[in-house]
Amino acid sequence: MSTFLVRRLRSIAHALRGLGHLVRTQGNARVHLAATVAVCIAGLVFGIDRNEWLWLVVAISLVWSAEAFNTALELLADAVHPVRHPGIGRAKDAAAAAVLVAAAGAAVIGLLVFLPHLLAGWR
């Protein structure tokens, strides 16, 4: 196997290890996982179209990315400066705000995608 391919496979393995750590150690990541599974099941149940799936995939990816960056920043900050520091606290708050904004946006996308399907079922 080429060195290039081996390095790519190792890189993917590191990323998957990071994702596993995220889900094992972060309560909010487990909430995001449950929401991701619920949204995917709902998408299958309602038979949403390709464009709706595209929006949901973007929303899900954005939330997971924000959560991963937030966790990475928190872990790095705690490793570099374990003692409480106001500047580090503000940085952590800003990173948490990014997750909140991403999750709120994903919730709006979820409503825009699923509400018409729910309302059609009530007619």
PDB file of N, CA and C in Angstrom:
ATOM      1  N   MET A   1       0.853  -1.174   0.000  1.00  0.00           N
ATOM      2  CA  MET A   1       0.000   0.000   0.000  1.00  0.00           C
ATOM      3  C   MET A   1       0.900   1.239   0.000  1.00  0.00           C
ATOM      4  N   SER A   2       0.502   2.259  -0.729  1.00  0.00           N
ATOM      5  CA  SER A   2       1.337   3.458  -0.836  1.00  0.00           C
ATOM      6  C   SER A   2       1.370   4.217   0.491  1.00  0.00           C
ATOM      7  N   THR A   3       2.455   4.939   0.689  1.00  0.00           N
ATOM      8  CA  THR A   3       2.609   5.745   1.901  1.00  0.00           C
ATOM      9  C   THR A   3       1.504   6.781   2.002  1.00  0.00           C
ATOM     10  N   PHE A   4       1.148   7.359   0.858  1.00  0.00           N
ATOM     11  CA  PHE A   4       0.080   8.358   0.844  1.00  0.00           C
ATOM     12  C   PHE A   4      -1.216   7.759   1.369  1.00  0.00           C
ATOM     13  N   LEU A   5      -1.584   6.590   0.874  1.00  0.00           N
ATOM     14  CA  LEU A   5      -2.825   5.944   1.286  1.00  0.00           C
ATOM     15  C   LEU A   5      -2.782   5.555   2.760  1.00  0.00           C
ATOM     16  N   VAL A   6      -1.659   5.053   3.210  1.00  0.00           N
ATOM     17  CA  VAL A   6      -1.516   4.678   4.627  1.00  0.00           C
ATOM     18  C   VAL A   6      -1.709   5.907   5.511  1.00  0.00           C
ATOM     19  N   ARG A   7      -1.111   7.034   5.111  1.00  0.00           N
ATOM     20  CA  ARG A   7      -1.265   8.269   5.905  1.00  0.00           C
ATOM     21  C   ARG A   7      -2.720   8.728   5.924  1.00  0.00           C
ATOM     22  N   ARG A   8      -3.427   8.613   4.806  1.00  0.00           N
ATOM     23  CA  ARG A   8      -4.836   9.008   4.758  1.00  0.00           C
ATOM     24  C   ARG A   8      -5.668   8.111   5.671  1.00  0.00           C
ATOM     25  N   LEU A   9      -5.406   6.816   5.629  1.00  0.00           N
ATOM     26  CA  LEU A   9      -6.154   5.886   6.479  1.00  0.00           C
ATOM     27  C   LEU A   9      -5.883   6.154   7.960  1.00  0.00           C
ATOM     28  N   ARG A  10      -4.643   6.454   8.290  1.00  0.00           N
ATOM     29  CA  ARG A  10      -4.326   6.804   9.690  1.00  0.00           C
ATOM     30  C   ARG A  10      -5.033   8.088  10.094  1.00  0.00           C
ATOM     31  N   SER A  11      -5.090   9.038   9.192  1.00  0.00           N
ATOM     32  CA  SER A  11      -5.767  10.302   9.468  1.00  0.00           C
ATOM     33  C   SER A  11      -7.251  10.070   9.753  1.00  0.00           C
ATOM     34  N   ILE A  12      -7.867   9.217   8.952  1.00  0.00           N
ATOM     35  CA  ILE A  12      -9.277   8.884   9.178  1.00  0.00           C
ATOM     36  C   ILE A  12      -9.439   8.172  10.517  1.00  0.00           C
ATOM     37  N   ALA A  13      -8.519   7.280  10.841  1.00  0.00           N
ATOM     38  CA  ALA A  13      -8.579   6.570  12.124  1.00  0.00           C
ATOM     39  C   ALA A  13      -8.489   7.542  13.291  1.00  0.00           C
ATOM     40  N   HIS A  14      -7.606   8.535  13.186  1.00  0.00           N
ATOM     41  CA  HIS A  14      -7.498   9.556  14.245  1.00  0.00           C
ATOM     42  C   HIS A  14      -8.806  10.332  14.379  1.00  0.00           C
ATOM     43  N   ALA A  15      -9.392  10.707  13.248  1.00  0.00           N
ATOM     44  CA  ALA A  15     -10.645  11.455  13.278  1.00  0.00           C
ATOM     45  C   ALA A  15     -11.764  10.631  13.904  1.00  0.00           C
ATOM     46  N   LEU A  16     -11.834   9.357  13.564  1.00  0.00           N
ATOM     47  CA  LEU A  16     -12.860   8.496  14.152  1.00  0.00           C
ATOM     48  C   LEU A  16     -12.633   8.303  15.645  1.00  0.00           C
ATOM     49  N   ARG A  17     -11.373   8.233  16.054  1.00  0.00           N
ATOM     50  CA  ARG A  17     -11.064   8.148  17.487  1.00  0.00           C
ATOM     51  C   ARG A  17     -11.540   9.425  18.194  1.00  0.00           C
ATOM     52  N   GLY A  18     -11.323  10.564  17.560  1.00  0.00           N
ATOM     53  CA  GLY A  18     -11.787  11.836  18.127  1.00  0.00           C
ATOM     54  C   GLY A  18     -13.302  11.883  18.233  1.00  0.00           C
ATOM     55  N   LEU A  19     -13.992  11.383  17.212  1.00  0.00           N
ATOM     56  CA  LEU A  19     -15.455  11.344  17.250  1.00  0.00           C
ATOM     57  C   LEU A  19     -15.935  10.430  18.366  1.00  0.00           C
ATOM     58  N   GLY A  20     -15.270   9.293  18.523  1.00  0.00           N
ATOM     59  CA  GLY A  20     -15.623   8.383  19.611  1.00  0.00           C
ATOM     60  C   GLY A  20     -15.427   9.032  20.975  1.00  0.00           C
ATOM     61  N   HIS A  21     -14.297   9.729  21.134  1.00  0.00           N
ATOM     62  CA  HIS A  21     -14.033  10.441  22.393  1.00  0.00           C
ATOM     63  C   HIS A  21     -15.117  11.485  22.642  1.00  0.00           C
ATOM     64  N   LEU A  22     -15.497  12.190  21.609  1.00  0.00           N
ATOM     65  CA  LEU A  22     -16.530  13.223  21.721  1.00  0.00           C
ATOM     66  C   LEU A  22     -17.829  12.623  22.249  1.00  0.00           C
ATOM     67  N   VAL A  23     -18.258  11.523  21.655  1.00  0.00           N
ATOM     68  CA  VAL A  23     -19.527  10.904  22.058  1.00  0.00           C
ATOM     69  C   VAL A  23     -19.422  10.281  23.447  1.00  0.00           C
ATOM     70  N   ARG A  24     -18.270   9.679  23.763  1.00  0.00           N
ATOM     71  CA  ARG A  24     -18.115   9.042  25.077  1.00  0.00           C
ATOM     72  C   ARG A  24     -18.050  10.042  26.221  1.00  0.00           C
ATOM     73  N   THR A  25     -17.469  11.211  25.985  1.00  0.00           N
ATOM     74  CA  THR A  25     -17.165  12.110  27.104  1.00  0.00           C
ATOM     75  C   THR A  25     -18.032  13.361  27.180  1.00  0.00           C
ATOM     76  N   GLN A  26     -18.744  13.686  26.121  1.00  0.00           N
ATOM     77  CA  GLN A  26     -19.495  14.939  26.101  1.00  0.00           C
ATOM     78  C   GLN A  26     -20.997  14.663  26.075  1.00  0.00           C
ATOM     79  N   GLY A  27     -21.674  15.082  27.130  1.00  0.00           N
ATOM     80  CA  GLY A  27     -23.122  14.874  27.215  1.00  0.00           C
ATOM     81  C   GLY A  27     -23.871  15.507  26.048  1.00  0.00           C
ATOM     82  N   ASN A  28     -23.461  16.706  25.666  1.00  0.00           N
ATOM     83  CA  ASN A  28     -24.151  17.366  24.554  1.00  0.00           C
ATOM     84  C   ASN A  28     -23.950  16.621  23.240  1.00  0.00           C
ATOM     85  N   ALA A  29     -22.814  15.969  23.065  1.00  0.00           N
ATOM     86  CA  ALA A  29     -22.591  15.182  21.850  1.00  0.00           C
ATOM     87  C   ALA A  29     -23.558  14.007  21.805  1.00  0.00           C
ATOM     88  N   ARG A  30     -23.853  13.435  22.963  1.00  0.00           N
ATOM     89  CA  ARG A  30     -24.827  12.339  22.996  1.00  0.00           C
ATOM     90  C   ARG A  30     -26.229  12.860  22.671  1.00  0.00           C
ATOM     91  N   VAL A  31     -26.537  14.074  23.103  1.00  0.00           N
ATOM     92  CA  VAL A  31     -27.816  14.699  22.722  1.00  0.00           C
ATOM     93  C   VAL A  31     -27.847  14.898  21.207  1.00  0.00           C
ATOM     94  N   HIS A  32     -26.747  15.392  20.639  1.00  0.00           N
ATOM     95  CA  HIS A  32     -26.681  15.591  19.189  1.00  0.00           C
ATOM     96  C   HIS A  32     -26.813  14.253  18.455  1.00  0.00           C
ATOM     97  N   LEU A  33     -26.225  13.209  19.008  1.00  0.00           N
ATOM     98  CA  LEU A  33     -26.336  11.889  18.390  1.00  0.00           C
ATOM     99  C   LEU A  33     -27.793  11.421  18.381  1.00  0.00           C
ATOM    100  N   ALA A  34     -28.470  11.584  19.506  1.00  0.00           N
ATOM    101  CA  ALA A  34     -29.886  11.190  19.580  1.00  0.00           C
ATOM    102  C   ALA A  34     -30.716  12.010  18.590  1.00  0.00           C
ATOM    103  N   ALA A  35     -30.438  13.309  18.509  1.00  0.00           N
ATOM    104  CA  ALA A  35     -31.170  14.163  17.571  1.00  0.00           C
ATOM    105  C   ALA A  35     -30.876  13.755  16.127  1.00  0.00           C
ATOM    106  N   THR A  36     -29.624  13.433  15.840  1.00  0.00           N
ATOM    107  CA  THR A  36     -29.250  13.003  14.490  1.00  0.00           C
ATOM    108  C   THR A  36     -30.004  11.733  14.104  1.00  0.00           C
ATOM    109  N   VAL A  37     -30.031  10.767  15.002  1.00  0.00           N
ATOM    110  CA  VAL A  37     -30.740   9.511  14.728  1.00  0.00           C
ATOM    111  C   VAL A  37     -32.231   9.782  14.541  1.00  0.00           C
ATOM    112  N   ALA A  38     -32.815  10.606  15.421  1.00  0.00           N
ATOM    113  CA  ALA A  38     -34.253  10.914  15.332  1.00  0.00           C
ATOM    114  C   ALA A  38     -34.585  11.609  14.011  1.00  0.00           C
ATOM    115  N   VAL A  39     -33.750  12.552  13.604  1.00  0.00           N
ATOM    116  CA  VAL A  39     -33.986  13.279  12.351  1.00  0.00           C
ATOM    117  C   VAL A  39     -33.884  12.326  11.161  1.00  0.00           C
ATOM    118  N   CYS A  40     -32.895  11.454  11.175  1.00  0.00           N
ATOM    119  CA  CYS A  40     -32.743  10.498  10.065  1.00  0.00           C
ATOM    120  C   CYS A  40     -33.933   9.551   9.988  1.00  0.00           C
ATOM    121  N   ILE A  41     -34.391   9.076  11.126  1.00  0.00           N
ATOM    122  CA  ILE A  41     -35.568   8.199  11.145  1.00  0.00           C
ATOM    123  C   ILE A  41     -36.793   8.957  10.640  1.00  0.00           C
ATOM    124  N   ALA A  42     -36.971  10.189  11.126  1.00  0.00           N
ATOM    125  CA  ALA A  42     -38.116  10.996  10.671  1.00  0.00           C
ATOM    126  C   ALA A  42     -38.046  11.249   9.166  1.00  0.00           C
ATOM    127  N   GLY A  43     -36.840  11.501   8.665  1.00  0.00           N
ATOM    128  CA  GLY A  43     -36.688  11.710   7.224  1.00  0.00           C
ATOM    129  C   GLY A  43     -37.109  10.494   6.426  1.00  0.00           C
ATOM    130  N   LEU A  44     -36.770   9.314   6.917  1.00  0.00           N
ATOM    131  CA  LEU A  44     -37.167   8.083   6.240  1.00  0.00           C
ATOM    132  C   LEU A  44     -38.671   7.856   6.344  1.00  0.00           C
ATOM    133  N   VAL A  45     -39.230   8.098   7.532  1.00  0.00           N
ATOM    134  CA  VAL A  45     -40.664   7.898   7.747  1.00  0.00           C
ATOM    135  C   VAL A  45     -41.480   8.833   6.850  1.00  0.00           C
ATOM    136  N   PHE A  46     -41.081  10.097   6.776  1.00  0.00           N
ATOM    137  CA  PHE A  46     -41.827  11.073   5.979  1.00  0.00           C
ATOM    138  C   PHE A  46     -41.470  11.036   4.502  1.00  0.00           C
ATOM    139  N   GLY A  47     -40.461  10.275   4.145  1.00  0.00           N
ATOM    140  CA  GLY A  47     -40.072  10.192   2.742  1.00  0.00           C
ATOM    141  C   GLY A  47     -39.655  11.531   2.159  1.00  0.00           C
ATOM    142  N   ILE A  48     -38.831  12.250   2.903  1.00  0.00           N
ATOM    143  CA  ILE A  48     -38.433  13.581   2.439  1.00  0.00           C
ATOM    144  C   ILE A  48     -37.611  13.478   1.155  1.00  0.00           C
ATOM    145  N   ASP A  49     -37.629  14.567   0.389  1.00  0.00           N
ATOM    146  CA  ASP A  49     -36.948  14.537  -0.909  1.00  0.00           C
ATOM    147  C   ASP A  49     -35.468  14.893  -0.782  1.00  0.00           C
ATOM    148  N   ARG A  50     -34.782  14.822  -1.910  1.00  0.00           N
ATOM    149  CA  ARG A  50     -33.334  15.034  -1.953  1.00  0.00           C
ATOM    150  C   ARG A  50     -32.933  16.401  -1.402  1.00  0.00           C
ATOM    151  N   ASN A  51     -33.638  17.448  -1.793  1.00  0.00           N
ATOM    152  CA  ASN A  51     -33.304  18.802  -1.319  1.00  0.00           C
ATOM    153  C   ASN A  51     -33.493  18.928   0.185  1.00  0.00           C
ATOM    154  N   GLU A  52     -34.513  18.301   0.726  1.00  0.00           N
ATOM    155  CA  GLU A  52     -34.723  18.329   2.175  1.00  0.00           C
ATOM    156  C   GLU A  52     -33.591  17.587   2.892  1.00  0.00           C
ATOM    157  N   TRP A  53     -33.175  16.448   2.330  1.00  0.00           N
ATOM    158  CA  TRP A  53     -32.041  15.724   2.911  1.00  0.00           C
ATOM    159  C   TRP A  53     -30.783  16.585   2.887  1.00  0.00           C
ATOM    160  N   LEU A  54     -30.584  17.309   1.782  1.00  0.00           N
ATOM    161  CA  LEU A  54     -29.395  18.161   1.688  1.00  0.00           C
ATOM    162  C   LEU A  54     -29.360  19.178   2.828  1.00  0.00           C
ATOM    163  N   TRP A  55     -30.476  19.837   3.078  1.00  0.00           N
ATOM    164  CA  TRP A  55     -30.538  20.815   4.169  1.00  0.00           C
ATOM    165  C   TRP A  55     -30.283  20.160   5.522  1.00  0.00           C
ATOM    166  N   LEU A  56     -30.871  18.995   5.731  1.00  0.00           N
ATOM    167  CA  LEU A  56     -30.673  18.305   7.012  1.00  0.00           C
ATOM    168  C   LEU A  56     -29.230  17.868   7.193  1.00  0.00           C
ATOM    169  N   VAL A  57     -28.603  17.375   6.137  1.00  0.00           N
ATOM    170  CA  VAL A  57     -27.200  16.965   6.234  1.00  0.00           C
ATOM    171  C   VAL A  57     -26.315  18.166   6.552  1.00  0.00           C
ATOM    172  N   VAL A  58     -26.582  19.297   5.921  1.00  0.00           N
ATOM    173  CA  VAL A  58     -25.812  20.515   6.213  1.00  0.00           C
ATOM    174  C   VAL A  58     -25.996  20.910   7.685  1.00  0.00           C
ATOM    175  N   ALA A  59     -27.236  20.895   8.153  1.00  0.00           N
ATOM    176  CA  ALA A  59     -27.511  21.284   9.540  1.00  0.00           C
ATOM    177  C   ALA A  59     -26.839  20.336  10.527  1.00  0.00           C
ATOM    178  N   ILE A  60     -26.967  19.036  10.277  1.00  0.00           N
ATOM    179  CA  ILE A  60     -26.364  18.040  11.168  1.00  0.00           C
ATOM    180  C   ILE A  60     -24.843  18.194  11.180  1.00  0.00           C
ATOM    181  N   SER A  61     -24.261  18.351  10.002  1.00  0.00           N
ATOM    182  CA  SER A  61     -22.804  18.505   9.901  1.00  0.00           C
ATOM    183  C   SER A  61     -22.321  19.748  10.621  1.00  0.00           C
ATOM    184  N   LEU A  62     -23.063  20.830  10.493  1.00  0.00           N
ATOM    185  CA  LEU A  62     -22.684  22.079  11.149  1.00  0.00           C
ATOM    186  C   LEU A  62     -22.696  21.933  12.671  1.00  0.00           C
ATOM    187  N   VAL A  63     -23.734  21.299  13.188  1.00  0.00           N
ATOM    188  CA  VAL A  63     -23.830  21.126  14.645  1.00  0.00           C
ATOM    189  C   VAL A  63     -22.690  20.229  15.154  1.00  0.00           C
ATOM    190  N   TRP A  64     -22.451  19.112  14.470  1.00  0.00           N
ATOM    191  CA  TRP A  64     -21.374  18.212  14.898  1.00  0.00           C
ATOM    192  C   TRP A  64     -20.012  18.894  14.803  1.00  0.00           C
ATOM    193  N   SER A  65     -19.802  19.667  13.757  1.00  0.00           N
ATOM    194  CA  SER A  65     -18.527  20.384  13.617  1.00  0.00           C
ATOM    195  C   SER A  65     -18.355  21.397  14.735  1.00  0.00           C
ATOM    196  N   ALA A  66     -19.396  22.153  15.019  1.00  0.00           N
ATOM    197  CA  ALA A  66     -19.316  23.144  16.091  1.00  0.00           C
ATOM    198  C   ALA A  66     -19.045  22.468  17.433  1.00  0.00           C
ATOM    199  N   GLU A  67     -19.711  21.356  17.692  1.00  0.00           N
ATOM    200  CA  GLU A  67     -19.504  20.634  18.957  1.00  0.00           C
ATOM    201  C   GLU A  67     -18.075  20.108  19.056  1.00  0.00           C
ATOM    202  N   ALA A  68     -17.548  19.598  17.955  1.00  0.00           N
ATOM    203  CA  ALA A  68     -16.174  19.089  17.963  1.00  0.00           C
ATOM    204  C   ALA A  68     -15.174  20.214  18.195  1.00  0.00           C
ATOM    205  N   PHE A  69     -15.348  21.342  17.513  1.00  0.00           N
ATOM    206  CA  PHE A  69     -14.451  22.481  17.724  1.00  0.00           C
ATOM    207  C   PHE A  69     -14.558  23.008  19.149  1.00  0.00           C
ATOM    208  N   ASN A  70     -15.773  23.066  19.680  1.00  0.00           N
ATOM    209  CA  ASN A  70     -15.972  23.533  21.050  1.00  0.00           C
ATOM    210  C   ASN A  70     -15.238  22.620  22.035  1.00  0.00           C
ATOM    211  N   THR A  71     -15.397  21.322  21.861  1.00  0.00           N
ATOM    212  CA  THR A  71     -14.729  20.377  22.751  1.00  0.00           C
ATOM    213  C   THR A  71     -13.219  20.474  22.612  1.00  0.00           C
ATOM    214  N   ALA A  72     -12.734  20.589  21.374  1.00  0.00           N
ATOM    215  CA  ALA A  72     -11.286  20.704  21.149  1.00  0.00           C
ATOM    216  C   ALA A  72     -10.734  21.953  21.838  1.00  0.00           C
ATOM    217  N   LEU A  73     -11.438  23.069  21.702  1.00  0.00           N
ATOM    218  CA  LEU A  73     -10.977  24.305  22.337  1.00  0.00           C
ATOM    219  C   LEU A  73     -10.957  24.156  23.860  1.00  0.00           C
ATOM    220  N   GLU A  74     -12.003  23.552  24.414  1.00  0.00           N
ATOM    221  CA  GLU A  74     -12.057  23.372  25.867  1.00  0.00           C
ATOM    222  C   GLU A  74     -10.933  22.463  26.361  1.00  0.00           C
ATOM    223  N   LEU A  75     -10.704  21.355  25.662  1.00  0.00           N
ATOM    224  CA  LEU A  75      -9.636  20.437  26.068  1.00  0.00           C
ATOM    225  C   LEU A  75      -8.267  21.097  25.974  1.00  0.00           C
ATOM    226  N   LEU A  76      -8.040  21.817  24.892  1.00  0.00           N
ATOM    227  CA  LEU A  76      -6.760  22.501  24.712  1.00  0.00           C
ATOM    228  C   LEU A  76      -6.567  23.582  25.770  1.00  0.00           C
ATOM    229  N   ALA A  77      -7.596  24.374  26.017  1.00  0.00           N
ATOM    230  CA  ALA A  77      -7.495  25.436  27.020  1.00  0.00           C
ATOM    231  C   ALA A  77      -7.217  24.854  28.406  1.00  0.00           C
ATOM    232  N   ASP A  78      -7.892  23.763  28.744  1.00  0.00           N
ATOM    233  CA  ASP A  78      -7.685  23.140  30.058  1.00  0.00           C
ATOM    234  C   ASP A  78      -6.290  22.545  30.182  1.00  0.00           C
ATOM    235  N   ALA A  79      -5.752  22.031  29.077  1.00  0.00           N
ATOM    236  CA  ALA A  79      -4.400  21.451  29.113  1.00  0.00           C
ATOM    237  C   ALA A  79      -3.341  22.543  29.235  1.00  0.00           C
ATOM    238  N   VAL A  80      -3.541  23.651  28.549  1.00  0.00           N
ATOM    239  CA  VAL A  80      -2.552  24.729  28.535  1.00  0.00           C
ATOM    240  C   VAL A  80      -2.616  25.563  29.808  1.00  0.00           C
ATOM    241  N   HIS A  81      -3.834  25.795  30.303  1.00  0.00           N
ATOM    242  CA  HIS A  81      -4.003  26.663  31.472  1.00  0.00           C
ATOM    243  C   HIS A  81      -5.094  26.070  32.358  1.00  0.00           C
ATOM    244  N   PRO A  82      -4.753  25.074  33.194  1.00  0.00           N
ATOM    245  CA  PRO A  82      -5.769  24.393  33.999  1.00  0.00           C
ATOM    246  C   PRO A  82      -6.427  25.270  35.069  1.00  0.00           C
ATOM    247  N   VAL A  83      -5.774  26.353  35.439  1.00  0.00           N
ATOM    248  CA  VAL A  83      -6.346  27.248  36.445  1.00  0.00           C
ATOM    249  C   VAL A  83      -7.355  28.169  35.756  1.00  0.00           C
ATOM    250  N   ARG A  84      -8.445  28.430  36.469  1.00  0.00           N
ATOM    251  CA  ARG A  84      -9.489  29.305  35.915  1.00  0.00           C
ATOM    252  C   ARG A  84      -8.908  30.648  35.495  1.00  0.00           C
ATOM    253  N   HIS A  85      -9.298  31.087  34.294  1.00  0.00           N
ATOM    254  CA  HIS A  85      -8.810  32.363  33.764  1.00  0.00           C
ATOM    255  C   HIS A  85      -9.962  33.037  33.027  1.00  0.00           C
ATOM    256  N   PRO A  86     -10.212  34.324  33.302  1.00  0.00           N
ATOM    257  CA  PRO A  86     -11.364  34.986  32.681  1.00  0.00           C
ATOM    258  C   PRO A  86     -11.321  34.994  31.148  1.00  0.00           C
ATOM    259  N   GLY A  87     -10.160  35.190  30.573  1.00  0.00           N
ATOM    260  CA  GLY A  87     -10.053  35.203  29.110  1.00  0.00           C
ATOM    261  C   GLY A  87     -10.351  33.843  28.508  1.00  0.00           C
ATOM    262  N   ILE A  88      -9.846  32.798  29.149  1.00  0.00           N
ATOM    263  CA  ILE A  88     -10.128  31.444  28.670  1.00  0.00           C
ATOM    264  C   ILE A  88     -11.605  31.129  28.855  1.00  0.00           C
ATOM    265  N   GLY A  89     -12.169  31.592  29.948  1.00  0.00           N
ATOM    266  CA  GLY A  89     -13.606  31.405  30.175  1.00  0.00           C
ATOM    267  C   GLY A  89     -14.439  32.061  29.089  1.00  0.00           C
ATOM    268  N   ARG A  90     -14.051  33.262  28.678  1.00  0.00           N
ATOM    269  CA  ARG A  90     -14.773  33.948  27.600  1.00  0.00           C
ATOM    270  C   ARG A  90     -14.624  33.205  26.277  1.00  0.00           C
ATOM    271  N   ALA A  91     -13.436  32.662  26.017  1.00  0.00           N
ATOM    272  CA  ALA A  91     -13.225  31.885  24.792  1.00  0.00           C
ATOM    273  C   ALA A  91     -14.098  30.630  24.797  1.00  0.00           C
ATOM    274  N   LYS A  92     -14.166  29.966  25.941  1.00  0.00           N
ATOM    275  CA  LYS A  92     -15.012  28.782  26.047  1.00  0.00           C
ATOM    276  C   LYS A  92     -16.486  29.144  25.860  1.00  0.00           C
ATOM    277  N   ASP A  93     -16.894  30.271  26.441  1.00  0.00           N
ATOM    278  CA  ASP A  93     -18.277  30.723  26.272  1.00  0.00           C
ATOM    279  C   ASP A  93     -18.589  31.022  24.810  1.00  0.00           C
ATOM    280  N   ALA A  94     -17.644  31.637  24.114  1.00  0.00           N
ATOM    281  CA  ALA A  94     -17.852  31.948  22.700  1.00  0.00           C
ATOM    282  C   ALA A  94     -17.969  30.666  21.879  1.00  0.00           C
ATOM    283  N   ALA A  95     -17.141  29.685  22.186  1.00  0.00           N
ATOM    284  CA  ALA A  95     -17.213  28.409  21.469  1.00  0.00           C
ATOM    285  C   ALA A  95     -18.543  27.705  21.750  1.00  0.00           C
ATOM    286  N   ALA A  96     -18.991  27.784  23.000  1.00  0.00           N
ATOM    287  CA  ALA A  96     -20.290  27.199  23.343  1.00  0.00           C
ATOM    288  C   ALA A  96     -21.415  27.943  22.626  1.00  0.00           C
ATOM    289  N   ALA A  97     -21.269  29.247  22.479  1.00  0.00           N
ATOM    290  CA  ALA A  97     -22.264  30.032  21.747  1.00  0.00           C
ATOM    291  C   ALA A  97     -22.345  29.582  20.288  1.00  0.00           C
ATOM    292  N   ALA A  98     -21.211  29.228  19.703  1.00  0.00           N
ATOM    293  CA  ALA A  98     -21.210  28.745  18.316  1.00  0.00           C
ATOM    294  C   ALA A  98     -22.036  27.465  18.196  1.00  0.00           C
ATOM    295  N   VAL A  99     -21.924  26.592  19.175  1.00  0.00           N
ATOM    296  CA  VAL A  99     -22.716  25.363  19.162  1.00  0.00           C
ATOM    297  C   VAL A  99     -24.197  25.704  19.302  1.00  0.00           C
ATOM    298  N   LEU A 100     -24.503  26.643  20.186  1.00  0.00           N
ATOM    299  CA  LEU A 100     -25.894  27.051  20.386  1.00  0.00           C
ATOM    300  C   LEU A 100     -26.481  27.636  19.103  1.00  0.00           C
ATOM    301  N   VAL A 101     -25.733  28.495  18.428  1.00  0.00           N
ATOM    302  CA  VAL A 101     -26.199  29.095  17.175  1.00  0.00           C
ATOM    303  C   VAL A 101     -26.409  28.010  16.118  1.00  0.00           C
ATOM    304  N   ALA A 102     -25.463  27.079  16.008  1.00  0.00           N
ATOM    305  CA  ALA A 102     -25.592  25.997  15.036  1.00  0.00           C
ATOM    306  C   ALA A 102     -26.806  25.125  15.345  1.00  0.00           C
ATOM    307  N   ALA A 103     -27.006  24.804  16.620  1.00  0.00           N
ATOM    308  CA  ALA A 103     -28.142  23.966  17.005  1.00  0.00           C
ATOM    309  C   ALA A 103     -29.465  24.695  16.771  1.00  0.00           C
ATOM    310  N   ALA A 104     -29.517  25.987  17.061  1.00  0.00           N
ATOM    311  CA  ALA A 104     -30.739  26.763  16.813  1.00  0.00           C
ATOM    312  C   ALA A 104     -31.033  26.810  15.314  1.00  0.00           C
ATOM    313  N   GLY A 105     -30.007  27.030  14.515  1.00  0.00           N
ATOM    314  CA  GLY A 105     -30.199  27.027  13.064  1.00  0.00           C
ATOM    315  C   GLY A 105     -30.662  25.674  12.569  1.00  0.00           C
ATOM    316  N   ALA A 106     -30.105  24.612  13.117  1.00  0.00           N
ATOM    317  CA  ALA A 106     -30.520  23.261  12.726  1.00  0.00           C
ATOM    318  C   ALA A 106     -31.974  23.004  13.117  1.00  0.00           C
ATOM    319  N   ALA A 107     -32.370  23.518  14.270  1.00  0.00           N
ATOM    320  CA  ALA A 107     -33.767  23.355  14.701  1.00  0.00           C
ATOM    321  C   ALA A 107     -34.713  24.074  13.738  1.00  0.00           C
ATOM    322  N   VAL A 108     -34.329  25.264  13.293  1.00  0.00           N
ATOM    323  CA  VAL A 108     -35.153  26.005  12.329  1.00  0.00           C
ATOM    324  C   VAL A 108     -35.233  25.230  11.012  1.00  0.00           C
ATOM    325  N   ILE A 109     -34.099  24.714  10.552  1.00  0.00           N
ATOM    326  CA  ILE A 109     -34.106  23.912   9.324  1.00  0.00           C
ATOM    327  C   ILE A 109     -35.002  22.690   9.509  1.00  0.00           C
ATOM    328  N   GLY A 110     -34.896  22.047  10.660  1.00  0.00           N
ATOM    329  CA  GLY A 110     -35.757  20.892  10.937  1.00  0.00           C
ATOM    330  C   GLY A 110     -37.231  21.251  10.878  1.00  0.00           C
ATOM    331  N   LEU A 111     -37.586  22.381  11.440  1.00  0.00           N
ATOM    332  CA  LEU A 111     -38.988  22.822  11.374  1.00  0.00           C
ATOM    333  C   LEU A 111     -39.412  23.101   9.938  1.00  0.00           C
ATOM    334  N   LEU A 112     -38.559  23.776   9.189  1.00  0.00           N
ATOM    335  CA  LEU A 112     -38.887  24.095   7.796  1.00  0.00           C
ATOM    336  C   LEU A 112     -39.036  22.834   6.946  1.00  0.00           C
ATOM    337  N   VAL A 113     -38.264  21.820   7.248  1.00  0.00           N
ATOM    338  CA  VAL A 113     -38.348  20.572   6.486  1.00  0.00           C
ATOM    339  C   VAL A 113     -39.538  19.730   6.941  1.00  0.00           C
ATOM    340  N   PHE A 114     -39.713  19.552   8.249  1.00  0.00           N
ATOM    341  CA  PHE A 114     -40.693  18.591   8.734  1.00  0.00           C
ATOM    342  C   PHE A 114     -42.087  19.149   8.971  1.00  0.00           C
ATOM    343  N   LEU A 115     -42.209  20.431   9.249  1.00  0.00           N
ATOM    344  CA  LEU A 115     -43.534  21.000   9.534  1.00  0.00           C
ATOM    345  C   LEU A 115     -44.514  20.792   8.384  1.00  0.00           C
ATOM    346  N   PRO A 116     -44.131  21.047   7.134  1.00  0.00           N
ATOM    347  CA  PRO A 116     -45.091  20.780   6.054  1.00  0.00           C
ATOM    348  C   PRO A 116     -45.538  19.312   5.988  1.00  0.00           C
ATOM    349  N   HIS A 117     -44.636  18.402   6.289  1.00  0.00           N
ATOM    350  CA  HIS A 117     -44.998  16.977   6.288  1.00  0.00           C
ATOM    351  C   HIS A 117     -45.953  16.659   7.438  1.00  0.00           C
ATOM    352  N   LEU A 118     -45.703  17.262   8.585  1.00  0.00           N
ATOM    353  CA  LEU A 118     -46.584  17.042   9.735  1.00  0.00           C
ATOM    354  C   LEU A 118     -47.959  17.643   9.475  1.00  0.00           C
ATOM    355  N   LEU A 119     -47.986  18.849   8.938  1.00  0.00           N
ATOM    356  CA  LEU A 119     -49.271  19.503   8.653  1.00  0.00           C
ATOM    357  C   LEU A 119     -50.050  18.764   7.581  1.00  0.00           C
ATOM    358  N   ALA A 120     -49.361  18.211   6.595  1.00  0.00           N
ATOM    359  CA  ALA A 120     -50.039  17.448   5.534  1.00  0.00           C
ATOM    360  C   ALA A 120     -50.695  16.187   6.112  1.00  0.00           C
ATOM    361  N   GLY A 121     -50.071  15.643   7.130  1.00  0.00           N
ATOM    362  CA  GLY A 121     -50.632  14.451   7.778  1.00  0.00           C
ATOM    363  C   GLY A 121     -51.876  14.744   8.588  1.00  0.00           C
ATOM    364  N   TRP A 122     -52.072  15.988   9.004  1.00  0.00           N
ATOM    365  CA  TRP A 122     -53.226  16.369   9.808  1.00  0.00           C
ATOM    366  C   TRP A 122     -54.416  16.787   8.966  1.00  0.00           C
ATOM    367  N   ARG A 123     -54.216  16.918   7.680  1.00  0.00           N
ATOM    368  CA  ARG A 123     -55.310  17.368   6.812  1.00  0.00           C
ATOM    369  C   ARG A 123     -56.201  16.241   6.425  1.00  0.00           C
TER     370      ARG A 123
END
